[in-house]
C-alpha atoms as a PDB file:
ATOM      1  CA  MET A   1     -53.209  82.984  15.931  1.00  0.00           C
ATOM      2  CA  SER A   2     -56.441  81.512  18.045  1.00  0.00           C
ATOM      3  CA  GLN A   3     -55.526  78.642  20.617  1.00  0.00           C
ATOM      4  CA  MET A   4     -57.230  77.126  23.552  1.00  0.00           C
ATOM      5  CA  ASN A   5     -55.135  74.454  25.599  1.00  0.00           C
ATOM      6  CA  MET A   6     -56.797  71.362  27.704  1.00  0.00           C
ATOM      7  CA  ALA A   7     -55.105  72.344  30.467  1.00  0.00           C
ATOM      8  CA  GLN A   8     -57.447  75.285  31.116  1.00  0.00           C
ATOM      9  CA  PRO A   9     -59.789  76.476  33.582  1.00  0.00           C
ATOM     10  CA  ALA A  10     -63.085  74.206  33.035  1.00  0.00           C
ATOM     11  CA  ALA A  11     -64.963  77.548  32.406  1.00  0.00           C
ATOM     12  CA  GLU A  12     -62.965  78.377  29.610  1.00  0.00           C
ATOM     13  CA  GLN A  13     -62.879  75.044  27.960  1.00  0.00           C
ATOM     14  CA  ALA A  14     -66.433  75.290  26.175  1.00  0.00           C
ATOM     15  CA  LEU A  15     -66.485  72.992  23.330  1.00  0.00           C
ATOM     16  CA  HIS A  16     -67.843  75.740  21.372  1.00  0.00           C
ATOM     17  CA  SER A  17     -64.643  77.481  21.027  1.00  0.00           C
ATOM     18  CA  LEU A  18     -64.100  74.927  17.930  1.00  0.00           C
ATOM     19  CA  THR A  19     -65.118  77.240  15.917  1.00  0.00           C
ATOM     20  CA  LEU A  20     -68.164  75.759  13.317  1.00  0.00           C
ATOM     21  CA  ASN A  21     -66.369  74.623   9.829  1.00  0.00           C
ATOM     22  CA  THR A  22     -63.200  75.104  11.079  1.00  0.00           C
ATOM     23  CA  TRP A  23     -60.485  72.524  11.188  1.00  0.00           C
ATOM     24  CA  PHE A  24     -57.828  72.789  14.246  1.00  0.00           C
ATOM     25  CA  ASP A  25     -55.027  71.667  14.857  1.00  0.00           C
ATOM     26  CA  TYR A  26     -54.460  69.225  17.921  1.00  0.00           C
ATOM     27  CA  LYS A  27     -50.667  69.149  19.515  1.00  0.00           C
ATOM     28  CA  GLU A  28     -50.267  67.855  22.713  1.00  0.00           C
ATOM     29  CA  GLY A  29     -53.284  68.904  24.470  1.00  0.00           C
ATOM     30  CA  SER A  30     -53.562  72.066  22.446  1.00  0.00           C
ATOM     31  CA  PHE A  31     -55.984  72.767  19.537  1.00  0.00           C
ATOM     32  CA  THR A  32     -54.944  76.255  16.962  1.00  0.00           C
ATOM     33  CA  SER A  33     -56.528  77.482  14.398  1.00  0.00           C
ATOM     34  CA  ALA A  34     -55.589  75.263  10.840  1.00  0.00           C
ATOM     35  CA  GLN A  35     -53.445  76.630   7.691  1.00  0.00           C
ATOM     36  CA  THR A  36     -54.569  73.773   5.874  1.00  0.00           C
ATOM     37  CA  ILE A  37     -57.563  71.857   5.272  1.00  0.00           C
ATOM     38  CA  PRO A  38     -57.506  67.456   5.052  1.00  0.00           C
ATOM     39  CA  ASP A  39     -56.581  66.266   1.467  1.00  0.00           C
ATOM     40  CA  LYS A  40     -59.589  63.729   1.446  1.00  0.00           C
ATOM     41  CA  THR A  41     -57.819  61.021  -0.258  1.00  0.00           C
ATOM     42  CA  VAL A  42     -55.529  60.795   2.827  1.00  0.00           C
ATOM     43  CA  GLY A  43     -56.209  59.279   5.824  1.00  0.00           C
ATOM     44  CA  LEU A  44     -58.413  58.309   7.654  1.00  0.00           C
ATOM     45  CA  PHE A  45     -61.901  60.241   9.287  1.00  0.00           C
ATOM     46  CA  SER A  46     -63.149  59.493  12.327  1.00  0.00           C
ATOM     47  CA  ILE A  47     -67.055  60.808  13.245  1.00  0.00           C
ATOM     48  CA  ALA A  48     -68.042  61.391  16.040  1.00  0.00           C
ATOM     49  CA  PHE A  49     -72.375  62.321  16.100  1.00  0.00           C
ATOM     50  CA  ALA A  50     -76.115  62.092  18.250  1.00  0.00           C
ATOM     51  CA  GLY A  51     -73.512  63.292  21.201  1.00  0.00           C
ATOM     52  CA  ASP A  52     -74.207  66.167  23.517  1.00  0.00           C
ATOM     53  CA  PHE A  53     -70.278  66.998  23.582  1.00  0.00           C
ATOM     54  CA  GLU A  54     -67.932  68.257  25.625  1.00  0.00           C
ATOM     55  CA  LEU A  55     -64.422  68.666  26.037  1.00  0.00           C
ATOM     56  CA  LYS A  56     -64.199  65.802  27.709  1.00  0.00           C
ATOM     57  CA  HIS A  57     -65.325  63.744  25.303  1.00  0.00           C
ATOM     58  CA  VAL A  58     -62.967  64.975  22.753  1.00  0.00           C
ATOM     59  CA  THR A  59     -59.983  63.862  25.220  1.00  0.00           C
ATOM     60  CA  SER A  60     -61.902  60.817  25.765  1.00  0.00           C
ATOM     61  CA  ILE A  61     -62.306  60.108  21.644  1.00  0.00           C
ATOM     62  CA  ILE A  62     -58.395  61.475  21.211  1.00  0.00           C
ATOM     63  CA  ASP A  63     -56.915  59.047  23.603  1.00  0.00           C
ATOM     64  CA  PHE A  64     -59.238  55.778  22.358  1.00  0.00           C
ATOM     65  CA  LEU A  65     -58.218  56.419  18.584  1.00  0.00           C
ATOM     66  CA  LYS A  66     -54.059  56.209  20.272  1.00  0.00           C
ATOM     67  CA  THR A  67     -54.812  53.421  21.736  1.00  0.00           C
ATOM     68  CA  HIS A  68     -55.329  51.547  18.667  1.00  0.00           C
ATOM     69  CA  ALA A  69     -52.575  53.476  16.690  1.00  0.00           C
ATOM     70  CA  LEU A  70     -54.133  56.142  14.909  1.00  0.00           C
ATOM     71  CA  LYS A  71     -52.964  59.778  15.495  1.00  0.00           C
ATOM     72  CA  VAL A  72     -55.039  62.872  15.755  1.00  0.00           C
ATOM     73  CA  THR A  73     -53.669  65.814  14.408  1.00  0.00           C
ATOM     74  CA  ALA A  74     -57.145  68.085  12.934  1.00  0.00           C
ATOM     75  CA  VAL A  75     -60.256  68.571  14.853  1.00  0.00           C
ATOM     76  CA  CYS A  76     -63.489  69.860  13.211  1.00  0.00           C
ATOM     77  CA  GLN A  77     -66.413  70.781  14.518  1.00  0.00           C
ATOM     78  CA  TYR A  78     -70.100  71.092  11.864  1.00  0.00           C
ATOM     79  CA  GLN A  79     -73.512  71.055  11.364  1.00  0.00           C
ATOM     80  CA  PRO A  80     -74.635  69.006   8.016  1.00  0.00           C
ATOM     81  CA  ASP A  81     -77.900  71.080   8.658  1.00  0.00           C
ATOM     82  CA  LEU A  82     -80.136  72.513  11.525  1.00  0.00           C
ATOM     83  CA  GLY A  83     -82.043  68.715  11.959  1.00  0.00           C
ATOM     84  CA  LEU A  84     -78.955  68.226  13.080  1.00  0.00           C
ATOM     85  CA  ALA A  85     -76.441  68.513  15.883  1.00  0.00           C
ATOM     86  CA  PRO A  86     -73.352  69.872  15.794  1.00  0.00           C
ATOM     87  CA  ALA A  87     -69.976  66.664  15.298  1.00  0.00           C
ATOM     88  CA  LEU A  88     -66.660  66.113  15.864  1.00  0.00           C
ATOM     89  CA  CYS A  89     -64.543  65.139  12.903  1.00  0.00           C
ATOM     90  CA  PHE A  90     -61.103  64.285  13.839  1.00  0.00           C
ATOM     91  CA  TYR A  91     -58.254  63.223  11.712  1.00  0.00           C
ATOM     92  CA  SER A  92     -56.211  61.134  11.431  1.00  0.00           C
ATOM     93  CA  PRO A  93     -53.460  61.615   8.476  1.00  0.00           C
ATOM     94  CA  GLU A  94     -51.073  57.828   9.066  1.00  0.00           C
ATOM     95  CA  ALA A  95     -53.895  55.713   9.681  1.00  0.00           C
ATOM     96  CA  GLU A  96     -52.921  52.607   8.041  1.00  0.00           C
ATOM     97  CA  GLN A  97     -56.521  50.763   8.774  1.00  0.00           C
ATOM     98  CA  LYS A  98     -60.029  51.300  10.675  1.00  0.00           C
ATOM     99  CA  ILE A  99     -61.384  49.943  13.852  1.00  0.00           C
ATOM    100  CA  ASN A 100     -63.180  47.089  13.726  1.00  0.00           C
ATOM    101  CA  PRO A 101     -67.100  49.137  12.567  1.00  0.00           C
ATOM    102  CA  LEU A 102     -68.316  46.986  16.382  1.00  0.00           C
ATOM    103  CA  ALA A 103     -65.497  47.994  18.302  1.00  0.00           C
ATOM    104  CA  LEU A 104     -66.578  51.857  17.225  1.00  0.00           C
ATOM    105  CA  ARG A 105     -69.495  51.407  18.343  1.00  0.00           C
ATOM    106  CA  ASP A 106     -69.463  49.368  22.065  1.00  0.00           C
ATOM    107  CA  PHE A 107     -66.921  52.776  22.777  1.00  0.00           C
ATOM    108  CA  ALA A 108     -69.513  55.619  21.715  1.00  0.00           C
ATOM    109  CA  ASN A 109     -72.396  53.631  23.936  1.00  0.00           C
ATOM    110  CA  THR A 110     -70.235  53.714  27.087  1.00  0.00           C
ATOM    111  CA  LEU A 111     -70.576  57.785  26.576  1.00  0.00           C
ATOM    112  CA  ASP A 112     -73.839  57.817  24.872  1.00  0.00           C
ATOM    113  CA  PHE A 113     -72.676  58.783  21.623  1.00  0.00           C
ATOM    114  CA  GLN A 114     -71.872  57.595  17.246  1.00  0.00           C
ATOM    115  CA  LEU A 115     -68.662  57.454  16.169  1.00  0.00           C
ATOM    116  CA  VAL A 116     -68.302  55.844  12.388  1.00  0.00           C
ATOM    117  CA  GLN A 117     -64.963  56.128  10.057  1.00  0.00           C
ATOM    118  CA  VAL A 118     -64.433  56.601   6.720  1.00  0.00           C
ATOM    119  CA  THR A 119     -61.395  56.865   3.890  1.00  0.00           C
ATOM    120  CA  THR A 120     -61.842  59.299   1.225  1.00  0.00           C
ATOM    121  CA  PRO A 121     -65.380  60.320   2.165  1.00  0.00           C
ATOM    122  CA  PRO A 122     -68.179  61.646  -0.517  1.00  0.00           C
ATOM    123  CA  ASN A 123     -69.276  65.415  -1.131  1.00  0.00           C
ATOM    124  CA  LEU A 124     -72.448  66.378  -0.564  1.00  0.00           C
ATOM    125  CA  TYR A 125     -72.112  69.594  -2.957  1.00  0.00           C
ATOM    126  CA  GLU A 126     -71.080  67.222  -6.287  1.00  0.00           C
ATOM    127  CA  PRO A 127     -73.438  64.794  -7.918  1.00  0.00           C
ATOM    128  CA  GLY A 128     -73.835  61.723  -6.222  1.00  0.00           C
ATOM    129  CA  LEU A 129     -75.623  57.940  -6.175  1.00  0.00           C
ATOM    130  CA  LEU A 130     -77.421  56.505  -2.539  1.00  0.00           C
ATOM    131  CA  VAL A 131     -78.836  53.760  -3.331  1.00  0.00           C
ATOM    132  CA  MET A 132     -80.622  52.228  -0.189  1.00  0.00           C
ATOM    133  CA  ASP A 133     -82.608  49.847   0.711  1.00  0.00           C
ATOM    134  CA  MET A 134     -86.116  49.552   1.867  1.00  0.00           C
ATOM    135  CA  ASP A 135     -87.466  46.913   4.121  1.00  0.00           C
ATOM    136  CA  SER A 136     -85.660  48.166   7.448  1.00  0.00           C
ATOM    137  CA  THR A 137     -84.067  51.005   5.899  1.00  0.00           C
ATOM    138  CA  ALA A 138     -86.581  53.303   4.014  1.00  0.00           C
ATOM    139  CA  ILE A 139     -88.909  51.826   5.605  1.00  0.00           C
ATOM    140  CA  THR A 140     -89.256  51.093   9.745  1.00  0.00           C
ATOM    141  CA  ILE A 141     -91.354  47.295   8.378  1.00  0.00           C
ATOM    142  CA  GLU A 142     -90.970  44.183   6.972  1.00  0.00           C
ATOM    143  CA  CYS A 143     -93.840  44.237   4.010  1.00  0.00           C
ATOM    144  CA  ILE A 144     -93.089  40.116   2.977  1.00  0.00           C
ATOM    145  CA  ASP A 145     -93.789  40.022   7.226  1.00  0.00           C
ATOM    146  CA  GLU A 146     -96.830  42.160   7.296  1.00  0.00           C
ATOM    147  CA  ILE A 147     -98.483  40.796   4.637  1.00  0.00           C
ATOM    148  CA  ALA A 148     -97.947  37.027   6.367  1.00  0.00           C
ATOM    149  CA  ARG A 149     -99.540  38.396   9.246  1.00  0.00           C
ATOM    150  CA  LEU A 150    -102.706  39.188   7.177  1.00  0.00           C
ATOM    151  CA  ALA A 151    -102.555  35.117   6.128  1.00  0.00           C
ATOM    152  CA  ASP A 152    -101.910  34.201   9.586  1.00  0.00           C
ATOM    153  CA  VAL A 153     -98.325  32.765   9.145  1.00  0.00           C
ATOM    154  CA  TYR A 154     -96.241  35.508  10.022  1.00  0.00           C
ATOM    155  CA  ASP A 155     -94.467  33.434  12.922  1.00  0.00           C
ATOM    156  CA  ASP A 156     -93.422  31.106  10.657  1.00  0.00           C
ATOM    157  CA  VAL A 157     -92.458  33.085   7.312  1.00  0.00           C
ATOM    158  CA  ALA A 158     -90.256  35.655  10.321  1.00  0.00           C
ATOM    159  CA  SER A 159     -88.400  33.358  10.963  1.00  0.00           C
ATOM    160  CA  VAL A 160     -87.190  32.671   8.093  1.00  0.00           C
ATOM    161  CA  THR A 161     -86.719  36.590   7.404  1.00  0.00           C
ATOM    162  CA  ALA A 162     -84.292  37.375  10.088  1.00  0.00           C
ATOM    163  CA  LEU A 163     -81.982  33.844   9.099  1.00  0.00           C
ATOM    164  CA  ALA A 164     -81.778  35.948   5.801  1.00  0.00           C
ATOM    165  CA  MET A 165     -81.154  38.960   7.224  1.00  0.00           C
ATOM    166  CA  ALA A 166     -78.664  37.400   9.470  1.00  0.00           C
ATOM    167  CA  GLY A 167     -76.914  35.551   6.259  1.00  0.00           C
ATOM    168  CA  LYS A 168     -77.504  32.744   7.414  1.00  0.00           C
ATOM    169  CA  LEU A 169     -79.637  31.170   4.434  1.00  0.00           C
ATOM    170  CA  ASP A 170     -79.266  32.474   1.487  1.00  0.00           C
ATOM    171  CA  PHE A 171     -82.053  34.643   0.026  1.00  0.00           C
ATOM    172  CA  SER A 172     -83.604  33.456  -3.406  1.00  0.00           C
ATOM    173  CA  GLU A 173     -84.253  30.678  -1.401  1.00  0.00           C
ATOM    174  CA  SER A 174     -85.354  32.141   1.784  1.00  0.00           C
ATOM    175  CA  LEU A 175     -87.302  34.399  -0.658  1.00  0.00           C
ATOM    176  CA  ASN A 176     -89.295  32.029  -2.210  1.00  0.00           C
ATOM    177  CA  GLN A 177     -89.726  29.886   0.610  1.00  0.00           C
ATOM    178  CA  ARG A 178     -91.432  32.421   2.192  1.00  0.00           C
ATOM    179  CA  VAL A 179     -93.470  33.785  -0.585  1.00  0.00           C
ATOM    180  CA  ALA A 180     -95.073  30.077  -1.089  1.00  0.00           C
ATOM    181  CA  LYS A 181     -96.702  30.518   2.042  1.00  0.00           C
ATOM    182  CA  LEU A 182     -98.433  33.833   1.063  1.00  0.00           C
ATOM    183  CA  ALA A 183    -100.384  32.817  -1.407  1.00  0.00           C
ATOM    184  CA  GLY A 184    -104.162  33.019  -1.418  1.00  0.00           C
ATOM    185  CA  ILE A 185    -103.803  36.920  -0.057  1.00  0.00           C
ATOM    186  CA  GLU A 186    -106.199  39.256  -1.893  1.00  0.00           C
ATOM    187  CA  GLN A 187    -104.382  41.666  -3.906  1.00  0.00           C
ATOM    188  CA  SER A 188    -106.789  44.537  -2.285  1.00  0.00           C
ATOM    189  CA  LEU A 189    -104.871  43.211   0.830  1.00  0.00           C
ATOM    190  CA  ILE A 190    -101.634  44.493  -0.126  1.00  0.00           C
ATOM    191  CA  GLU A 191    -103.005  47.567  -1.377  1.00  0.00           C
ATOM    192  CA  ASP A 192    -103.912  48.395   1.604  1.00  0.00           C
ATOM    193  CA  LEU A 193    -101.062  47.460   3.075  1.00  0.00           C
ATOM    194  CA  LYS A 194     -99.319  49.679   0.025  1.00  0.00           C
ATOM    195  CA  ASN A 195    -100.736  52.685   1.236  1.00  0.00           C
ATOM    196  CA  THR A 196     -99.694  52.527   5.312  1.00  0.00           C
ATOM    197  CA  LEU A 197     -95.946  52.430   4.398  1.00  0.00           C
ATOM    198  CA  PRO A 198     -93.579  53.976   7.697  1.00  0.00           C
ATOM    199  CA  LEU A 199     -91.126  55.906   6.705  1.00  0.00           C
ATOM    200  CA  MET A 200     -87.902  54.989   8.846  1.00  0.00           C
ATOM    201  CA  PRO A 201     -87.664  58.678  10.185  1.00  0.00           C
ATOM    202  CA  GLY A 202     -85.303  61.397   8.640  1.00  0.00           C
ATOM    203  CA  ILE A 203     -85.330  59.780   5.359  1.00  0.00           C
ATOM    204  CA  LYS A 204     -87.527  62.135   3.219  1.00  0.00           C
ATOM    205  CA  ALA A 205     -85.785  64.884   4.767  1.00  0.00           C
ATOM    206  CA  LEU A 206     -82.005  63.438   3.754  1.00  0.00           C
ATOM    207  CA  CYS A 207     -83.730  62.151   0.548  1.00  0.00           C
ATOM    208  CA  GLN A 208     -84.761  66.249   0.042  1.00  0.00           C
ATOM    209  CA  ILE A 209     -81.268  67.563   0.770  1.00  0.00           C
ATOM    210  CA  LEU A 210     -80.001  65.053  -1.098  1.00  0.00           C
ATOM    211  CA  LYS A 211     -81.743  66.542  -4.584  1.00  0.00           C
ATOM    212  CA  GLN A 212     -80.726  69.743  -3.682  1.00  0.00           C
ATOM    213  CA  HIS A 213     -77.449  68.691  -4.633  1.00  0.00           C
ATOM    214  CA  ASN A 214     -78.116  66.816  -7.537  1.00  0.00           C
ATOM    215  CA  TRP A 215     -77.959  62.973  -6.298  1.00  0.00           C
ATOM    216  CA  TYR A 216     -79.433  60.609  -8.221  1.00  0.00           C
ATOM    217  CA  LEU A 217     -81.505  58.642  -5.782  1.00  0.00           C
ATOM    218  CA  ALA A 218     -82.611  54.504  -6.425  1.00  0.00           C
ATOM    219  CA  ILE A 219     -84.142  51.557  -3.732  1.00  0.00           C
ATOM    220  CA  ALA A 220     -82.088  47.988  -4.703  1.00  0.00           C
ATOM    221  CA  SER A 221     -85.234  45.775  -2.954  1.00  0.00           C
ATOM    222  CA  GLY A 222     -85.695  42.021  -2.254  1.00  0.00           C
ATOM    223  CA  GLY A 223     -88.918  43.460  -1.093  1.00  0.00           C
ATOM    224  CA  PHE A 224     -91.351  43.984  -3.765  1.00  0.00           C
ATOM    225  CA  VAL A 225     -92.590  46.479  -5.981  1.00  0.00           C
ATOM    226  CA  PRO A 226     -95.736  47.756  -5.123  1.00  0.00           C
ATOM    227  CA  PHE A 227     -94.404  49.347  -1.673  1.00  0.00           C
ATOM    228  CA  ALA A 228     -91.293  50.184  -3.607  1.00  0.00           C
ATOM    229  CA  GLU A 229     -93.268  51.872  -6.167  1.00  0.00           C
ATOM    230  CA  ARG A 230     -94.799  53.009  -2.840  1.00  0.00           C
ATOM    231  CA  VAL A 231     -91.685  53.861  -1.329  1.00  0.00           C
ATOM    232  CA  GLN A 232     -89.972  55.911  -4.903  1.00  0.00           C
ATOM    233  CA  GLN A 233     -93.538  58.493  -4.445  1.00  0.00           C
ATOM    234  CA  LEU A 234     -93.080  59.768  -0.562  1.00  0.00           C
ATOM    235  CA  ILE A 235     -89.312  60.021  -0.948  1.00  0.00           C
ATOM    236  CA  ASN A 236     -88.970  61.249  -4.935  1.00  0.00           C
ATOM    237  CA  LEU A 237     -86.697  58.156  -6.106  1.00  0.00           C
ATOM    238  CA  ASP A 238     -85.367  58.928  -9.566  1.00  0.00           C
ATOM    239  CA  GLU A 239     -86.042  54.710 -10.212  1.00  0.00           C
ATOM    240  CA  VAL A 240     -86.945  51.377  -7.732  1.00  0.00           C
ATOM    241  CA  HIS A 241     -85.636  47.869  -8.339  1.00  0.00           C
ATOM    242  CA  ALA A 242     -87.827  45.164  -7.191  1.00  0.00           C
ATOM    243  CA  ASN A 243     -89.566  41.331  -6.983  1.00  0.00           C
ATOM    244  CA  VAL A 244     -92.493  41.455  -8.919  1.00  0.00           C
ATOM    245  CA  LEU A 245     -94.739  39.684  -7.034  1.00  0.00           C
ATOM    246  CA  GLU A 246     -97.077  36.865  -9.673  1.00  0.00           C
ATOM    247  CA  PHE A 247    -101.436  37.669  -8.703  1.00  0.00           C
ATOM    248  CA  ALA A 248    -103.913  35.295 -10.245  1.00  0.00           C
ATOM    249  CA  ASN A 249    -107.838  36.379 -10.005  1.00  0.00           C
ATOM    250  CA  ASP A 250    -106.552  38.764  -7.706  1.00  0.00           C
ATOM    251  CA  LYS A 251    -105.060  37.087  -5.292  1.00  0.00           C
ATOM    252  CA  LEU A 252    -101.274  36.215  -4.751  1.00  0.00           C
ATOM    253  CA  THR A 253     -99.840  32.673  -6.165  1.00  0.00           C
ATOM    254  CA  GLY A 254     -97.034  32.129  -3.771  1.00  0.00           C
ATOM    255  CA  LYS A 255     -94.442  33.231  -6.452  1.00  0.00           C
ATOM    256  CA  VAL A 256     -92.276  36.027  -7.617  1.00  0.00           C
ATOM    257  CA  SER A 257     -91.711  36.243 -11.582  1.00  0.00           C
ATOM    258  CA  GLY A 258     -88.584  36.874 -13.503  1.00  0.00           C
ATOM    259  CA  ALA A 259     -84.739  37.367 -11.937  1.00  0.00           C
ATOM    260  CA  ILE A 260     -84.154  37.617  -7.636  1.00  0.00           C
ATOM    261  CA  VAL A 261     -83.078  40.839  -6.637  1.00  0.00           C
ATOM    262  CA  ASP A 262     -81.290  39.511  -4.569  1.00  0.00           C
ATOM    263  CA  ALA A 263     -76.639  40.569  -3.103  1.00  0.00           C
ATOM    264  CA  GLN A 264     -75.489  40.178  -5.736  1.00  0.00           C
ATOM    265  CA  GLN A 265     -78.930  42.220  -8.590  1.00  0.00           C
ATOM    266  CA  LYS A 266     -78.428  44.875  -6.459  1.00  0.00           C
ATOM    267  CA  ALA A 267     -74.419  44.980  -5.934  1.00  0.00           C
ATOM    268  CA  VAL A 268     -75.190  45.678 -10.029  1.00  0.00           C
ATOM    269  CA  VAL A 269     -78.161  47.883  -9.641  1.00  0.00           C
ATOM    270  CA  LEU A 270     -75.513  50.037  -8.093  1.00  0.00           C
ATOM    271  CA  GLU A 271     -73.007  49.450 -10.386  1.00  0.00           C
ATOM    272  CA  THR A 272     -74.324  50.267 -13.578  1.00  0.00           C
ATOM    273  CA  LEU A 273     -75.789  53.564 -12.393  1.00  0.00           C
ATOM    274  CA  GLN A 274     -72.589  54.367 -11.757  1.00  0.00           C
ATOM    275  CA  GLN A 275     -71.628  53.619 -14.798  1.00  0.00           C
ATOM    276  CA  LYS A 276     -74.682  55.565 -16.348  1.00  0.00           C
ATOM    277  CA  LEU A 277     -74.652  58.680 -14.419  1.00  0.00           C
ATOM    278  CA  GLY A 278     -70.161  58.812 -15.163  1.00  0.00           C
ATOM    279  CA  LEU A 279     -70.030  59.133 -11.260  1.00  0.00           C
ATOM    280  CA  ALA A 280     -66.101  58.217  -9.361  1.00  0.00           C
ATOM    281  CA  ASN A 281     -67.061  55.222  -7.233  1.00  0.00           C
ATOM    282  CA  THR A 282     -66.299  57.803  -3.844  1.00  0.00           C
ATOM    283  CA  GLN A 283     -69.469  59.525  -4.935  1.00  0.00           C
ATOM    284  CA  THR A 284     -71.481  57.139  -4.935  1.00  0.00           C
ATOM    285  CA  VAL A 285     -73.286  55.339  -1.411  1.00  0.00           C
ATOM    286  CA  ALA A 286     -75.523  52.474  -0.888  1.00  0.00           C
ATOM    287  CA  ILE A 287     -77.267  51.995   2.667  1.00  0.00           C
ATOM    288  CA  GLY A 288     -78.284  48.549   4.153  1.00  0.00           C
ATOM    289  CA  ASP A 289     -79.100  46.419   7.174  1.00  0.00           C
ATOM    290  CA  GLY A 290     -79.028  42.775   6.326  1.00  0.00           C
ATOM    291  CA  ALA A 291     -76.653  40.456   5.217  1.00  0.00           C
ATOM    292  CA  ASN A 292     -77.931  40.650   1.508  1.00  0.00           C
ATOM    293  CA  ASP A 293     -77.301  44.391   1.221  1.00  0.00           C
ATOM    294  CA  LEU A 294     -73.198  43.649   1.889  1.00  0.00           C
ATOM    295  CA  LEU A 295     -71.777  42.930  -1.525  1.00  0.00           C
ATOM    296  CA  MET A 296     -73.748  45.728  -2.179  1.00  0.00           C
ATOM    297  CA  MET A 297     -72.170  48.129   0.524  1.00  0.00           C
ATOM    298  CA  GLU A 298     -69.047  47.210  -0.440  1.00  0.00           C
ATOM    299  CA  LYS A 299     -69.038  48.282  -4.396  1.00  0.00           C
ATOM    300  CA  ALA A 300     -70.479  51.430  -2.573  1.00  0.00           C
ATOM    301  CA  GLY A 301     -67.969  54.443  -2.188  1.00  0.00           C
ATOM    302  CA  LEU A 302     -69.472  54.328   1.192  1.00  0.00           C
ATOM    303  CA  GLY A 303     -71.240  51.312   2.176  1.00  0.00           C
ATOM    304  CA  VAL A 304     -73.061  52.740   5.428  1.00  0.00           C
ATOM    305  CA  ALA A 305     -75.392  50.048   7.386  1.00  0.00           C
ATOM    306  CA  VAL A 306     -78.394  50.871   9.221  1.00  0.00           C
ATOM    307  CA  HIS A 307     -79.787  49.644  12.270  1.00  0.00           C
ATOM    308  CA  GLY A 308     -77.785  47.034  11.035  1.00  0.00           C
ATOM    309  CA  LYS A 309     -77.407  42.847  12.017  1.00  0.00           C
ATOM    310  CA  PRO A 310     -74.219  42.746  14.634  1.00  0.00           C
ATOM    311  CA  LYS A 311     -72.355  41.013  11.202  1.00  0.00           C
ATOM    312  CA  VAL A 312     -73.976  43.750   9.162  1.00  0.00           C
ATOM    313  CA  VAL A 313     -72.387  46.453  11.193  1.00  0.00           C
ATOM    314  CA  GLU A 314     -68.685  44.796  11.719  1.00  0.00           C
ATOM    315  CA  GLN A 315     -68.446  44.639   7.783  1.00  0.00           C
ATOM    316  CA  ALA A 316     -69.901  47.729   6.854  1.00  0.00           C
ATOM    317  CA  GLN A 317     -67.593  50.787   6.129  1.00  0.00           C
ATOM    318  CA  ALA A 318     -69.872  52.400   9.047  1.00  0.00           C
ATOM    319  CA  ALA A 319     -72.434  52.573  11.317  1.00  0.00           C
ATOM    320  CA  ILE A 320     -76.275  54.411  12.090  1.00  0.00           C
ATOM    321  CA  CYS A 321     -76.737  52.572  14.619  1.00  0.00           C
ATOM    322  CA  GLN A 322     -79.494  54.404  16.237  1.00  0.00           C
ATOM    323  CA  GLY A 323     -81.311  57.344  15.181  1.00  0.00           C
ATOM    324  CA  SER A 324     -82.358  59.275  12.066  1.00  0.00           C
ATOM    325  CA  LEU A 325     -80.960  58.584   8.833  1.00  0.00           C
ATOM    326  CA  LEU A 326     -81.195  62.541   8.041  1.00  0.00           C
ATOM    327  CA  GLN A 327     -77.847  61.254  10.110  1.00  0.00           C
ATOM    328  CA  LEU A 328     -75.944  60.060   6.436  1.00  0.00           C
ATOM    329  CA  LEU A 329     -75.444  63.616   5.910  1.00  0.00           C
ATOM    330  CA  TYR A 330     -72.321  63.678   8.465  1.00  0.00           C
ATOM    331  CA  MET A 331     -70.449  61.522   6.867  1.00  0.00           C
ATOM    332  CA  LEU A 332     -70.609  63.535   3.194  1.00  0.00           C
ATOM    333  CA  ALA A 333     -70.906  66.878   4.569  1.00  0.00           C
ATOM    334  CA  ILE A 334     -66.764  67.045   6.244  1.00  0.00           C
ATOM    335  CA  PRO A 335     -66.041  69.991   5.894  1.00  0.00           C
ATOM    336  CA  LEU A 336     -63.419  69.501   3.265  1.00  0.00           C
ATOM    337  CA  ASN A 337     -63.878  72.234   0.158  1.00  0.00           C
ATOM    338  CA  LYS A 338     -61.222  74.902  -0.088  1.00  0.00           C
END
């Protein structure tokens, strides 16, 4: 049985000794090849990613988890995709509760990586569901703010957007306030904006990989249908749910038609699709950046804040605080299959 001791000389402590996709039992500073794979339905998985890891990072993370009453019994180094650097997963079988995500973020920032914790992680290799927000999630902009630039009311609209995303203003109320300021904008300008949408880095590659593994992909957005449909074309989504802008004489009227896609409706979209697809809740994932995504993320088996506001990071189950959305794969492809 192979063994690696943390007290060995530095020249013998290369992290590549932790063979990719192989679990190692951890006890008192040493690693031995594990005879069993952790049970995904029990305990807590702490995932460190987006870092240039050395063994000193392993010990720092284990010590950090220990200070929060989390005992690590196994470690695995894995690489879900060639477009991603290897990550480290630490298994704590008797964990009672997660560490506050903001505390995880603050600790990880000191060592220049990211750290999340998940329970009962989804399995990339089985059919699943991903429901995503659009603005500042699937794309890098807030479409309503960009429309506001065209009407020279950007500052007014963006300030209301910020309050809504931070959870300081009712979303439906804020949407009506903002759309009212857009009255008179030519429909042709909306089309121009639609055709230049900047995708969030990593989202297209993520969706391609998920589709290869029979995942169902949808947008549930407080944004607008023309933009959601364009994103659907760009990244091959199965369906989109968004708000309908009202036009008259090829200009915006300043009103929204039909029911507003707010936090509650986003959650309904996720639950409806889960039932339609006959999926276990553990195979459902929701991602978003704003307060109006929290209910949808709470209903999902895994809710992930992406580049989110502090309130969203703190309340989400996990958070990608910087970098490519392809990093979501770290949470979906932990080597737990026998």
